[in-house]
C-alpha atoms as a PDB file:
ATOM      1  CA  MET A   1     191.985 132.938 151.568  1.00  0.00           C
ATOM      2  CA  THR A   2     190.795 130.950 148.556  1.00  0.00           C
ATOM      3  CA  ALA A   3     193.779 129.454 146.784  1.00  0.00           C
ATOM      4  CA  ALA A   4     194.960 127.422 143.809  1.00  0.00           C
ATOM      5  CA  VAL A   5     198.076 125.496 142.808  1.00  0.00           C
ATOM      6  CA  VAL A   6     199.677 126.120 139.398  1.00  0.00           C
ATOM      7  CA  ILE A   7     202.176 123.627 137.944  1.00  0.00           C
ATOM      8  CA  PRO A   8     204.073 124.325 134.691  1.00  0.00           C
ATOM      9  CA  THR A   9     205.193 121.115 132.948  1.00  0.00           C
ATOM     10  CA  LEU A  10     207.058 119.816 129.937  1.00  0.00           C
ATOM     11  CA  ASP A  11     207.808 116.086 129.711  1.00  0.00           C
ATOM     12  CA  GLU A  12     207.459 115.389 133.432  1.00  0.00           C
ATOM     13  CA  GLU A  13     206.048 111.836 133.371  1.00  0.00           C
ATOM     14  CA  ALA A  14     208.562 110.756 136.006  1.00  0.00           C
ATOM     15  CA  HIS A  15     207.242 113.229 138.570  1.00  0.00           C
ATOM     16  CA  ILE A  16     203.769 114.541 137.727  1.00  0.00           C
ATOM     17  CA  ALA A  17     201.637 111.645 139.025  1.00  0.00           C
ATOM     18  CA  ALA A  18     203.176 111.685 142.501  1.00  0.00           C
ATOM     19  CA  LEU A  19     203.073 115.473 142.633  1.00  0.00           C
ATOM     20  CA  LEU A  20     199.380 115.612 141.683  1.00  0.00           C
ATOM     21  CA  ALA A  21     198.576 112.922 144.255  1.00  0.00           C
ATOM     22  CA  GLN A  22     200.348 115.036 146.869  1.00  0.00           C
ATOM     23  CA  CYS A  23     198.368 118.124 145.845  1.00  0.00           C
ATOM     24  CA  ALA A  24     195.088 116.203 145.706  1.00  0.00           C
ATOM     25  CA  ALA A  25     195.596 115.217 149.355  1.00  0.00           C
ATOM     26  CA  LEU A  26     195.220 118.893 150.290  1.00  0.00           C
ATOM     27  CA  PRO A  27     191.724 119.778 151.539  1.00  0.00           C
ATOM     28  CA  ALA A  28     189.422 121.499 149.072  1.00  0.00           C
ATOM     29  CA  ALA A  29     188.858 124.201 151.665  1.00  0.00           C
ATOM     30  CA  ALA A  30     192.524 125.175 151.302  1.00  0.00           C
ATOM     31  CA  VAL A  31     193.036 124.552 147.582  1.00  0.00           C
ATOM     32  CA  ARG A  32     190.110 125.062 145.207  1.00  0.00           C
ATOM     33  CA  GLU A  33     191.948 124.354 141.927  1.00  0.00           C
ATOM     34  CA  ILE A  34     195.055 122.485 140.760  1.00  0.00           C
ATOM     35  CA  VAL A  35     196.011 123.629 137.259  1.00  0.00           C
ATOM     36  CA  VAL A  36     198.747 122.077 135.122  1.00  0.00           C
ATOM     37  CA  ALA A  37     200.081 124.329 132.343  1.00  0.00           C
ATOM     38  CA  ASP A  38     201.649 121.936 129.858  1.00  0.00           C
ATOM     39  CA  GLY A  39     204.004 123.090 127.131  1.00  0.00           C
ATOM     40  CA  GLY A  40     203.246 120.255 124.720  1.00  0.00           C
ATOM     41  CA  SER A  41     204.713 117.225 126.487  1.00  0.00           C
ATOM     42  CA  ARG A  42     205.542 114.314 124.203  1.00  0.00           C
ATOM     43  CA  ASP A  43     205.752 111.737 126.963  1.00  0.00           C
ATOM     44  CA  ALA A  44     202.940 110.475 129.199  1.00  0.00           C
ATOM     45  CA  THR A  45     202.585 113.715 131.199  1.00  0.00           C
ATOM     46  CA  ARG A  46     199.264 114.780 129.680  1.00  0.00           C
ATOM     47  CA  ALA A  47     197.754 111.299 130.014  1.00  0.00           C
ATOM     48  CA  LEU A  48     198.784 111.152 133.673  1.00  0.00           C
ATOM     49  CA  VAL A  49     197.190 114.543 134.299  1.00  0.00           C
ATOM     50  CA  ALA A  50     193.978 113.302 132.655  1.00  0.00           C
ATOM     51  CA  GLU A  51     193.973 110.225 134.918  1.00  0.00           C
ATOM     52  CA  ALA A  52     194.445 112.395 138.013  1.00  0.00           C
ATOM     53  CA  ALA A  53     191.694 114.775 136.843  1.00  0.00           C
ATOM     54  CA  ALA A  54     189.284 111.852 136.533  1.00  0.00           C
ATOM     55  CA  ARG A  55     189.833 111.171 140.239  1.00  0.00           C
ATOM     56  CA  ASP A  56     189.796 114.785 141.434  1.00  0.00           C
ATOM     57  CA  PRO A  57     187.724 117.436 139.615  1.00  0.00           C
ATOM     58  CA  ARG A  58     189.966 120.185 140.980  1.00  0.00           C
ATOM     59  CA  ILE A  59     192.738 119.036 138.634  1.00  0.00           C
ATOM     60  CA  ARG A  60     192.727 120.262 135.036  1.00  0.00           C
ATOM     61  CA  LEU A  61     195.162 120.894 132.213  1.00  0.00           C
ATOM     62  CA  VAL A  62     195.773 124.148 130.342  1.00  0.00           C
ATOM     63  CA  ASP A  63     197.737 124.210 127.089  1.00  0.00           C
ATOM     64  CA  ASN A  64     200.872 126.330 126.965  1.00  0.00           C
ATOM     65  CA  PRO A  65     201.581 126.686 123.220  1.00  0.00           C
ATOM     66  CA  ARG A  66     204.526 129.048 123.823  1.00  0.00           C
ATOM     67  CA  ARG A  67     206.192 126.269 125.868  1.00  0.00           C
ATOM     68  CA  ILE A  68     207.970 128.532 128.375  1.00  0.00           C
ATOM     69  CA  GLN A  69     207.109 128.645 132.073  1.00  0.00           C
ATOM     70  CA  SER A  70     206.305 132.344 132.261  1.00  0.00           C
ATOM     71  CA  ALA A  71     203.675 132.076 129.517  1.00  0.00           C
ATOM     72  CA  GLY A  72     202.230 128.858 130.913  1.00  0.00           C
ATOM     73  CA  ILE A  73     201.742 130.276 134.391  1.00  0.00           C
ATOM     74  CA  ASN A  74     200.099 133.394 132.969  1.00  0.00           C
ATOM     75  CA  ASP A  75     197.685 131.263 130.928  1.00  0.00           C
ATOM     76  CA  ALA A  76     196.868 129.070 133.918  1.00  0.00           C
ATOM     77  CA  VAL A  77     196.228 131.995 136.268  1.00  0.00           C
ATOM     78  CA  ALA A  78     193.957 133.617 133.681  1.00  0.00           C
ATOM     79  CA  THR A  79     191.652 130.579 133.870  1.00  0.00           C
ATOM     80  CA  LEU A  80     191.361 130.461 137.667  1.00  0.00           C
ATOM     81  CA  ASP A  81     188.021 130.872 139.394  1.00  0.00           C
ATOM     82  CA  PRO A  82     187.416 134.577 140.186  1.00  0.00           C
ATOM     83  CA  ALA A  83     187.084 133.635 143.852  1.00  0.00           C
ATOM     84  CA  VAL A  84     190.741 132.552 143.993  1.00  0.00           C
ATOM     85  CA  THR A  85     192.743 135.268 145.735  1.00  0.00           C
ATOM     86  CA  ALA A  86     196.141 133.554 145.959  1.00  0.00           C
ATOM     87  CA  PHE A  87     198.033 130.807 144.196  1.00  0.00           C
ATOM     88  CA  VAL A  88     201.114 128.690 144.779  1.00  0.00           C
ATOM     89  CA  ARG A  89     203.556 127.960 141.979  1.00  0.00           C
ATOM     90  CA  ILE A  90     204.983 124.451 142.083  1.00  0.00           C
ATOM     91  CA  ASP A  91     207.652 123.249 139.673  1.00  0.00           C
ATOM     92  CA  ALA A  92     207.294 119.591 138.764  1.00  0.00           C
ATOM     93  CA  HIS A  93     210.982 118.680 139.002  1.00  0.00           C
ATOM     94  CA  ALA A  94     211.412 119.349 142.716  1.00  0.00           C
ATOM     95  CA  ASP A  95     210.579 117.878 146.136  1.00  0.00           C
ATOM     96  CA  TYR A  96     207.973 119.443 148.416  1.00  0.00           C
ATOM     97  CA  ALA A  97     206.953 118.572 151.950  1.00  0.00           C
ATOM     98  CA  ASP A  98     203.315 117.541 152.370  1.00  0.00           C
ATOM     99  CA  ASP A  99     202.615 120.752 154.284  1.00  0.00           C
ATOM    100  CA  TYR A 100     204.459 123.001 151.808  1.00  0.00           C
ATOM    101  CA  VAL A 101     201.387 124.571 150.187  1.00  0.00           C
ATOM    102  CA  PRO A 102     199.522 125.221 153.484  1.00  0.00           C
ATOM    103  CA  ARG A 103     202.629 126.790 155.005  1.00  0.00           C
ATOM    104  CA  VAL A 104     203.195 129.022 151.978  1.00  0.00           C
ATOM    105  CA  LEU A 105     199.580 130.191 152.061  1.00  0.00           C
ATOM    106  CA  ALA A 106     199.713 130.770 155.826  1.00  0.00           C
ATOM    107  CA  GLU A 107     202.862 132.907 155.516  1.00  0.00           C
ATOM    108  CA  LEU A 108     201.384 134.806 152.574  1.00  0.00           C
ATOM    109  CA  ALA A 109     198.313 135.637 154.679  1.00  0.00           C
ATOM    110  CA  ARG A 110     200.293 136.396 157.848  1.00  0.00           C
ATOM    111  CA  THR A 111     202.745 138.793 156.205  1.00  0.00           C
ATOM    112  CA  GLY A 112     200.413 140.389 153.664  1.00  0.00           C
ATOM    113  CA  ALA A 113     203.173 139.952 151.067  1.00  0.00           C
ATOM    114  CA  ASP A 114     202.509 140.218 147.358  1.00  0.00           C
ATOM    115  CA  VAL A 115     205.070 137.473 146.690  1.00  0.00           C
ATOM    116  CA  LEU A 116     206.151 134.720 149.083  1.00  0.00           C
ATOM    117  CA  ALA A 117     209.597 133.226 148.404  1.00  0.00           C
ATOM    118  CA  THR A 118     211.065 130.075 149.916  1.00  0.00           C
ATOM    119  CA  ARG A 119     214.519 128.559 150.285  1.00  0.00           C
ATOM    120  CA  LEU A 120     215.788 126.506 147.327  1.00  0.00           C
ATOM    121  CA  ARG A 121     217.817 123.614 148.789  1.00  0.00           C
ATOM    122  CA  THR A 122     219.819 121.882 146.075  1.00  0.00           C
ATOM    123  CA  GLU A 123     220.697 118.211 146.525  1.00  0.00           C
ATOM    124  CA  GLY A 124     221.993 115.437 144.302  1.00  0.00           C
ATOM    125  CA  ARG A 125     221.848 111.700 143.760  1.00  0.00           C
ATOM    126  CA  THR A 126     224.985 111.114 141.670  1.00  0.00           C
ATOM    127  CA  PRO A 127     228.534 112.301 142.526  1.00  0.00           C
ATOM    128  CA  MET A 128     228.377 115.014 139.863  1.00  0.00           C
ATOM    129  CA  GLN A 129     224.939 116.158 141.021  1.00  0.00           C
ATOM    130  CA  ARG A 130     226.118 116.332 144.620  1.00  0.00           C
ATOM    131  CA  ALA A 131     229.164 118.357 143.583  1.00  0.00           C
ATOM    132  CA  ILE A 132     226.962 120.730 141.568  1.00  0.00           C
ATOM    133  CA  ALA A 133     224.614 120.984 144.555  1.00  0.00           C
ATOM    134  CA  ALA A 134     227.510 121.879 146.853  1.00  0.00           C
ATOM    135  CA  ALA A 135     228.525 124.600 144.399  1.00  0.00           C
ATOM    136  CA  GLN A 136     224.980 125.962 144.021  1.00  0.00           C
ATOM    137  CA  ASN A 137     224.298 125.994 147.752  1.00  0.00           C
ATOM    138  CA  SER A 138     227.476 127.972 148.409  1.00  0.00           C
ATOM    139  CA  SER A 139     228.190 131.671 148.115  1.00  0.00           C
ATOM    140  CA  PHE A 140     230.785 130.803 145.444  1.00  0.00           C
ATOM    141  CA  GLY A 141     228.038 129.544 143.164  1.00  0.00           C
ATOM    142  CA  ALA A 142     224.991 131.498 144.293  1.00  0.00           C
ATOM    143  CA  GLY A 143     226.737 134.784 144.994  1.00  0.00           C
ATOM    144  CA  GLY A 144     225.142 135.120 148.403  1.00  0.00           C
ATOM    145  CA  SER A 145     221.500 134.775 147.261  1.00  0.00           C
ATOM    146  CA  ALA A 146     219.407 134.631 150.417  1.00  0.00           C
ATOM    147  CA  HIS A 147     216.960 132.083 148.992  1.00  0.00           C
ATOM    148  CA  ARG A 148     219.828 129.640 148.344  1.00  0.00           C
ATOM    149  CA  GLN A 149     221.828 130.162 151.539  1.00  0.00           C
ATOM    150  CA  GLY A 150     219.066 129.594 154.085  1.00  0.00           C
ATOM    151  CA  GLY A 151     218.968 130.770 157.674  1.00  0.00           C
ATOM    152  CA  TYR A 152     217.166 134.027 156.922  1.00  0.00           C
ATOM    153  CA  SER A 153     213.564 135.188 156.774  1.00  0.00           C
ATOM    154  CA  GLY A 154     212.483 138.727 155.994  1.00  0.00           C
ATOM    155  CA  TRP A 155     211.671 141.249 153.311  1.00  0.00           C
ATOM    156  CA  VAL A 156     213.861 140.844 150.227  1.00  0.00           C
ATOM    157  CA  ASP A 157     214.241 142.243 146.709  1.00  0.00           C
ATOM    158  CA  HIS A 158     213.993 138.815 145.123  1.00  0.00           C
ATOM    159  CA  GLY A 159     213.585 135.146 145.975  1.00  0.00           C
ATOM    160  CA  HIS A 160     212.520 131.728 144.714  1.00  0.00           C
ATOM    161  CA  HIS A 161     208.838 132.170 143.836  1.00  0.00           C
ATOM    162  CA  ALA A 162     206.280 130.151 145.781  1.00  0.00           C
ATOM    163  CA  GLY A 163     203.133 132.111 146.702  1.00  0.00           C
ATOM    164  CA  PHE A 164     201.398 135.005 144.971  1.00  0.00           C
ATOM    165  CA  ALA A 165     198.684 137.503 145.778  1.00  0.00           C
ATOM    166  CA  ARG A 166     196.495 137.240 142.686  1.00  0.00           C
ATOM    167  CA  ALA A 167     195.479 140.903 142.792  1.00  0.00           C
ATOM    168  CA  MET A 168     199.064 142.088 142.306  1.00  0.00           C
ATOM    169  CA  PHE A 169     199.723 139.428 139.666  1.00  0.00           C
ATOM    170  CA  ALA A 170     196.681 140.618 137.695  1.00  0.00           C
ATOM    171  CA  ARG A 171     197.536 144.282 138.211  1.00  0.00           C
ATOM    172  CA  LEU A 172     201.011 143.792 136.728  1.00  0.00           C
ATOM    173  CA  GLY A 173     199.854 141.533 133.897  1.00  0.00           C
ATOM    174  CA  GLY A 174     201.663 138.507 135.313  1.00  0.00           C
ATOM    175  CA  TYR A 175     205.083 137.395 134.169  1.00  0.00           C
ATOM    176  CA  ASP A 176     206.740 138.964 131.143  1.00  0.00           C
ATOM    177  CA  ALA A 177     206.198 136.069 128.730  1.00  0.00           C
ATOM    178  CA  THR A 178     209.144 137.124 126.561  1.00  0.00           C
ATOM    179  CA  PHE A 179     211.492 135.907 129.320  1.00  0.00           C
ATOM    180  CA  VAL A 180     212.707 132.313 128.958  1.00  0.00           C
ATOM    181  CA  ALA A 181     214.627 132.665 132.236  1.00  0.00           C
ATOM    182  CA  ASN A 182     214.778 135.095 135.173  1.00  0.00           C
ATOM    183  CA  GLU A 183     211.066 135.800 134.771  1.00  0.00           C
ATOM    184  CA  ASP A 184     210.867 135.707 138.570  1.00  0.00           C
ATOM    185  CA  GLY A 185     213.519 138.409 139.002  1.00  0.00           C
ATOM    186  CA  GLU A 186     211.844 140.566 136.363  1.00  0.00           C
ATOM    187  CA  TYR A 187     208.444 140.180 138.038  1.00  0.00           C
ATOM    188  CA  ASP A 188     209.913 141.039 141.433  1.00  0.00           C
ATOM    189  CA  ALA A 189     211.386 144.235 139.971  1.00  0.00           C
ATOM    190  CA  ARG A 190     207.920 145.324 138.845  1.00  0.00           C
ATOM    191  CA  VAL A 191     206.388 144.335 142.179  1.00  0.00           C
ATOM    192  CA  ARG A 192     208.830 146.610 144.017  1.00  0.00           C
ATOM    193  CA  ARG A 193     208.233 149.492 141.619  1.00  0.00           C
ATOM    194  CA  ALA A 194     204.494 149.105 142.151  1.00  0.00           C
ATOM    195  CA  GLY A 195     204.964 149.416 145.906  1.00  0.00           C
ATOM    196  CA  GLY A 196     204.568 145.686 146.559  1.00  0.00           C
ATOM    197  CA  ARG A 197     206.592 143.539 148.971  1.00  0.00           C
ATOM    198  CA  ILE A 198     208.389 140.188 148.758  1.00  0.00           C
ATOM    199  CA  TRP A 199     208.767 138.021 151.858  1.00  0.00           C
ATOM    200  CA  LEU A 200     211.375 135.251 152.087  1.00  0.00           C
ATOM    201  CA  ALA A 201     210.238 132.446 154.365  1.00  0.00           C
ATOM    202  CA  GLY A 202     213.657 130.874 154.859  1.00  0.00           C
ATOM    203  CA  GLU A 203     212.336 128.048 157.025  1.00  0.00           C
ATOM    204  CA  ILE A 204     210.172 126.699 154.169  1.00  0.00           C
ATOM    205  CA  GLU A 205     212.317 124.682 151.771  1.00  0.00           C
ATOM    206  CA  VAL A 206     212.061 123.249 148.275  1.00  0.00           C
ATOM    207  CA  GLY A 207     214.285 120.301 147.409  1.00  0.00           C
ATOM    208  CA  TYR A 208     215.781 120.856 143.962  1.00  0.00           C
ATOM    209  CA  TYR A 209     217.842 118.377 141.896  1.00  0.00           C
ATOM    210  CA  PRO A 210     220.402 120.037 139.630  1.00  0.00           C
ATOM    211  CA  ARG A 211     221.448 119.023 136.125  1.00  0.00           C
ATOM    212  CA  ARG A 212     223.299 115.717 135.851  1.00  0.00           C
ATOM    213  CA  THR A 213     226.019 116.801 133.406  1.00  0.00           C
ATOM    214  CA  LEU A 214     228.234 119.828 132.892  1.00  0.00           C
ATOM    215  CA  ALA A 215     226.852 120.280 129.373  1.00  0.00           C
ATOM    216  CA  ALA A 216     223.280 120.510 130.682  1.00  0.00           C
ATOM    217  CA  LEU A 217     224.460 122.799 133.479  1.00  0.00           C
ATOM    218  CA  ALA A 218     226.130 125.082 130.917  1.00  0.00           C
ATOM    219  CA  ARG A 219     222.921 125.350 128.862  1.00  0.00           C
ATOM    220  CA  GLN A 220     220.928 126.161 131.985  1.00  0.00           C
ATOM    221  CA  TYR A 221     223.304 128.842 133.222  1.00  0.00           C
ATOM    222  CA  ARG A 222     223.650 130.411 129.805  1.00  0.00           C
ATOM    223  CA  ARG A 223     219.865 130.881 129.833  1.00  0.00           C
ATOM    224  CA  TYR A 224     220.121 132.344 133.346  1.00  0.00           C
ATOM    225  CA  GLY A 225     222.747 134.849 132.211  1.00  0.00           C
ATOM    226  CA  THR A 226     220.682 135.795 129.164  1.00  0.00           C
ATOM    227  CA  GLY A 227     217.599 136.323 131.341  1.00  0.00           C
ATOM    228  CA  ARG A 228     219.514 138.411 133.872  1.00  0.00           C
ATOM    229  CA  ALA A 229     220.876 140.638 131.095  1.00  0.00           C
ATOM    230  CA  ALA A 230     217.395 141.103 129.632  1.00  0.00           C
ATOM    231  CA  ASN A 231     216.130 141.995 133.105  1.00  0.00           C
ATOM    232  CA  SER A 232     218.938 144.488 133.696  1.00  0.00           C
ATOM    233  CA  LEU A 233     218.428 146.114 130.311  1.00  0.00           C
ATOM    234  CA  LYS A 234     214.688 146.419 130.917  1.00  0.00           C
ATOM    235  CA  HIS A 235     214.794 147.762 134.476  1.00  0.00           C
ATOM    236  CA  ARG A 236     218.266 149.364 134.589  1.00  0.00           C
ATOM    237  CA  GLU A 237     219.217 147.597 137.790  1.00  0.00           C
ATOM    238  CA  ILE A 238     221.919 145.079 138.629  1.00  0.00           C
ATOM    239  CA  ARG A 239     223.971 144.036 141.648  1.00  0.00           C
ATOM    240  CA  VAL A 240     227.757 144.121 141.756  1.00  0.00           C
ATOM    241  CA  ARG A 241     227.921 140.331 142.305  1.00  0.00           C
ATOM    242  CA  GLN A 242     225.984 139.837 139.056  1.00  0.00           C
ATOM    243  CA  LEU A 243     228.690 141.663 137.144  1.00  0.00           C
ATOM    244  CA  LEU A 244     231.393 139.258 138.320  1.00  0.00           C
ATOM    245  CA  PRO A 245     230.681 136.353 135.895  1.00  0.00           C
ATOM    246  CA  PRO A 246     230.759 138.539 132.743  1.00  0.00           C
ATOM    247  CA  ALA A 247     233.870 140.255 134.132  1.00  0.00           C
ATOM    248  CA  VAL A 248     235.543 136.859 134.619  1.00  0.00           C
ATOM    249  CA  VAL A 249     234.662 135.831 131.051  1.00  0.00           C
ATOM    250  CA  GLY A 250     235.946 139.106 129.626  1.00  0.00           C
ATOM    251  CA  ALA A 251     239.134 139.096 131.684  1.00  0.00           C
ATOM    252  CA  SER A 252     239.914 135.452 130.902  1.00  0.00           C
ATOM    253  CA  ILE A 253     239.430 135.940 127.165  1.00  0.00           C
ATOM    254  CA  ALA A 254     241.509 139.114 127.227  1.00  0.00           C
ATOM    255  CA  GLY A 255     244.280 137.349 129.139  1.00  0.00           C
ATOM    256  CA  LEU A 256     244.415 134.402 126.733  1.00  0.00           C
ATOM    257  CA  VAL A 257     244.345 136.652 123.649  1.00  0.00           C
ATOM    258  CA  ALA A 258     247.058 138.982 124.980  1.00  0.00           C
ATOM    259  CA  ALA A 259     249.320 136.220 126.347  1.00  0.00           C
ATOM    260  CA  PRO A 260     251.311 135.619 123.107  1.00  0.00           C
ATOM    261  CA  TRP A 261     252.488 139.238 123.217  1.00  0.00           C
ATOM    262  CA  TRP A 262     252.417 139.797 126.991  1.00  0.00           C
ATOM    263  CA  PRO A 263     252.720 136.554 129.020  1.00  0.00           C
ATOM    264  CA  TRP A 264     251.839 138.340 132.254  1.00  0.00           C
ATOM    265  CA  ALA A 265     248.273 138.559 130.918  1.00  0.00           C
ATOM    266  CA  LEU A 266     247.882 134.896 131.882  1.00  0.00           C
ATOM    267  CA  VAL A 267     247.665 136.105 135.469  1.00  0.00           C
ATOM    268  CA  LEU A 268     243.970 136.827 134.792  1.00  0.00           C
ATOM    269  CA  PRO A 269     242.753 133.322 133.832  1.00  0.00           C
ATOM    270  CA  LEU A 270     245.275 131.594 136.115  1.00  0.00           C
ATOM    271  CA  GLY A 271     244.224 133.763 139.042  1.00  0.00           C
ATOM    272  CA  TYR A 272     240.610 132.770 138.415  1.00  0.00           C
ATOM    273  CA  LEU A 273     241.557 129.073 138.364  1.00  0.00           C
ATOM    274  CA  LEU A 274     243.427 129.445 141.643  1.00  0.00           C
ATOM    275  CA  GLY A 275     240.374 131.107 143.145  1.00  0.00           C
ATOM    276  CA  LEU A 276     238.207 128.179 141.990  1.00  0.00           C
ATOM    277  CA  ALA A 277     240.686 125.726 143.493  1.00  0.00           C
ATOM    278  CA  ALA A 278     240.601 127.517 146.850  1.00  0.00           C
ATOM    279  CA  ALA A 279     236.798 127.639 146.843  1.00  0.00           C
ATOM    280  CA  THR A 280     236.601 123.951 145.965  1.00  0.00           C
ATOM    281  CA  ALA A 281     238.997 123.067 148.775  1.00  0.00           C
ATOM    282  CA  LEU A 282     236.725 124.849 151.236  1.00  0.00           C
ATOM    283  CA  LEU A 283     233.684 122.984 149.899  1.00  0.00           C
ATOM    284  CA  VAL A 284     235.493 119.636 150.145  1.00  0.00           C
ATOM    285  CA  ARG A 285     236.377 120.417 153.750  1.00  0.00           C
ATOM    286  CA  ARG A 286     232.785 121.492 154.460  1.00  0.00           C
ATOM    287  CA  THR A 287     231.178 118.374 152.947  1.00  0.00           C
ATOM    288  CA  GLY A 288     233.875 115.875 153.896  1.00  0.00           C
ATOM    289  CA  ARG A 289     233.522 114.175 150.497  1.00  0.00           C
ATOM    290  CA  ALA A 290     236.298 113.759 147.955  1.00  0.00           C
ATOM    291  CA  GLU A 291     233.711 113.826 145.147  1.00  0.00           C
ATOM    292  CA  THR A 292     233.127 117.495 145.952  1.00  0.00           C
ATOM    293  CA  MET A 293     236.342 118.182 144.016  1.00  0.00           C
ATOM    294  CA  LEU A 294     234.022 118.015 140.998  1.00  0.00           C
ATOM    295  CA  ALA A 295     232.669 121.347 142.217  1.00  0.00           C
ATOM    296  CA  LEU A 296     235.665 122.992 140.525  1.00  0.00           C
ATOM    297  CA  PRO A 297     234.486 122.291 136.940  1.00  0.00           C
ATOM    298  CA  ALA A 298     230.904 122.872 138.093  1.00  0.00           C
ATOM    299  CA  LEU A 299     231.720 126.344 139.415  1.00  0.00           C
ATOM    300  CA  ALA A 300     233.685 127.175 136.281  1.00  0.00           C
ATOM    301  CA  THR A 301     230.783 126.017 134.107  1.00  0.00           C
ATOM    302  CA  MET A 302     228.252 128.067 136.072  1.00  0.00           C
ATOM    303  CA  HIS A 303     230.344 131.249 136.079  1.00  0.00           C
ATOM    304  CA  LEU A 304     231.482 131.113 132.458  1.00  0.00           C
ATOM    305  CA  ALA A 305     228.148 130.029 130.965  1.00  0.00           C
ATOM    306  CA  TRP A 306     226.250 132.662 132.981  1.00  0.00           C
ATOM    307  CA  GLY A 307     228.759 135.349 132.022  1.00  0.00           C
ATOM    308  CA  ALA A 308     228.706 134.329 128.358  1.00  0.00           C
ATOM    309  CA  GLY A 309     224.915 134.456 128.295  1.00  0.00           C
ATOM    310  CA  PHE A 310     224.922 137.876 129.940  1.00  0.00           C
ATOM    311  CA  LEU A 311     227.507 139.308 127.538  1.00  0.00           C
ATOM    312  CA  THR A 312     225.886 137.789 124.449  1.00  0.00           C
ATOM    313  CA  GLU A 313     222.463 139.197 125.286  1.00  0.00           C
ATOM    314  CA  THR A 314     223.905 142.608 126.161  1.00  0.00           C
ATOM    315  CA  ILE A 315     225.824 142.762 122.860  1.00  0.00           C
ATOM    316  CA  ARG A 316     222.791 141.569 120.887  1.00  0.00           C
ATOM    317  CA  HIS A 317     220.577 144.207 122.503  1.00  0.00           C
ATOM    318  CA  THR A 318     223.169 146.949 121.887  1.00  0.00           C
ATOM    319  CA  LEU A 319     223.525 145.999 118.214  1.00  0.00           C
ATOM    320  CA  ASP A 320     219.747 145.880 117.765  1.00  0.00           C
ATOM    321  CA  ARG A 321     219.427 149.360 119.219  1.00  0.00           C
ATOM    322  CA  PHE A 322     222.251 150.624 117.018  1.00  0.00           C
ATOM    323  CA  ARG A 323     220.602 149.212 113.896  1.00  0.00           C
ATOM    324  CA  SER A 324     217.224 150.637 114.898  1.00  0.00           C
ATOM    325  CA  THR A 325     218.792 154.060 115.446  1.00  0.00           C
ATOM    326  CA  ARG A 326     220.440 153.944 112.015  1.00  0.00           C
ATOM    327  CA  VAL A 327     217.164 152.935 110.349  1.00  0.00           C
ATOM    328  CA  ARG A 328     215.295 155.791 112.035  1.00  0.00           C
ATOM    329  CA  ALA A 329     218.060 158.215 111.060  1.00  0.00           C
ATOM    330  CA  LYS A 330     217.885 157.115 107.417  1.00  0.00           C
ATOM    331  CA  ARG A 331     214.108 157.440 107.377  1.00  0.00           C
ATOM    332  CA  GLY A 332     214.346 160.876 108.929  1.00  0.00           C
ATOM    333  CA  SER A 333     216.972 161.909 106.370  1.00  0.00           C
ATOM    334  CA  GLY A 334     214.767 160.646 103.547  1.00  0.00           C
ATOM    335  CA  VAL A 335     211.795 162.624 104.783  1.00  0.00           C
ATOM    336  CA  ALA A 336     213.943 165.746 105.116  1.00  0.00           C
ATOM    337  CA  ASN A 337     215.296 165.377 101.564  1.00  0.00           C
ATOM    338  CA  LYS A 338     211.799 164.990 100.158  1.00  0.00           C
ATOM    339  CA  GLY A 339     210.779 168.151 101.945  1.00  0.00           C
END
């Protein structure tokens, strides 16, 4: 198997040099190319890539003018040597073991999978980050996602992207570059429809550091909800657990709006808060850290931002379709009247 490593970046000067040094330590027999798809970094990222490329000819930079990861990875893969049959996606803002790439490639070859997923292990440095990590690693935050829970390997519908069979990637046209989030879930949906398979190697882990503030977490999860809605609207598929955040948002808003006329409606948002409190208590007991109490606002932020993003995108799409239908109807009526 001839392979490559693809790294999407945007302002990653704090991490890119060490990551490229780690990749450059891999033997050329295992990794032929190391391609950085940069979305127009304004810090020292591009200069650091150039310095690394001067030391290792396998390293090169590809411009990503659309600035989103899906587009950047597509552009990078399009430039790979034709002999490359598989590639590993590495995100700059994460921790990888030195043997991560070889293990991903070995599992990809052993299983014959079209996509190889790995476990995403979230960890933090600050109290808030650690509380967010506890929330994201739990079923309360991740909804039971196998690639976040760990302890399982096998065929799945979706997982955290790591390794790719290039033939399937080329056959499907790569990621849908209109997706700013959930491009991995959308790609996996097309892989399954094309008869491909996705293997989760639960024993291979990626260390991921979450957002440092609730505001940043809210922006991230709003994008996630928007991407999930776009995916559901495109492929007409969604899991029950993915309907819970928009249901919570809708029920909470309805309860608060109706409360002045019917106070019992407050049972909806108050019941949700009690559920968050119970979940947080379990996480505090599990971690043994008082700081994990911060998981309560973290969970609320994740659920409500994700649900708001999902609902907003669904409403926007519905209105766009309604307007398009009205425009077509008017055009059709005009043609009929002229006739």
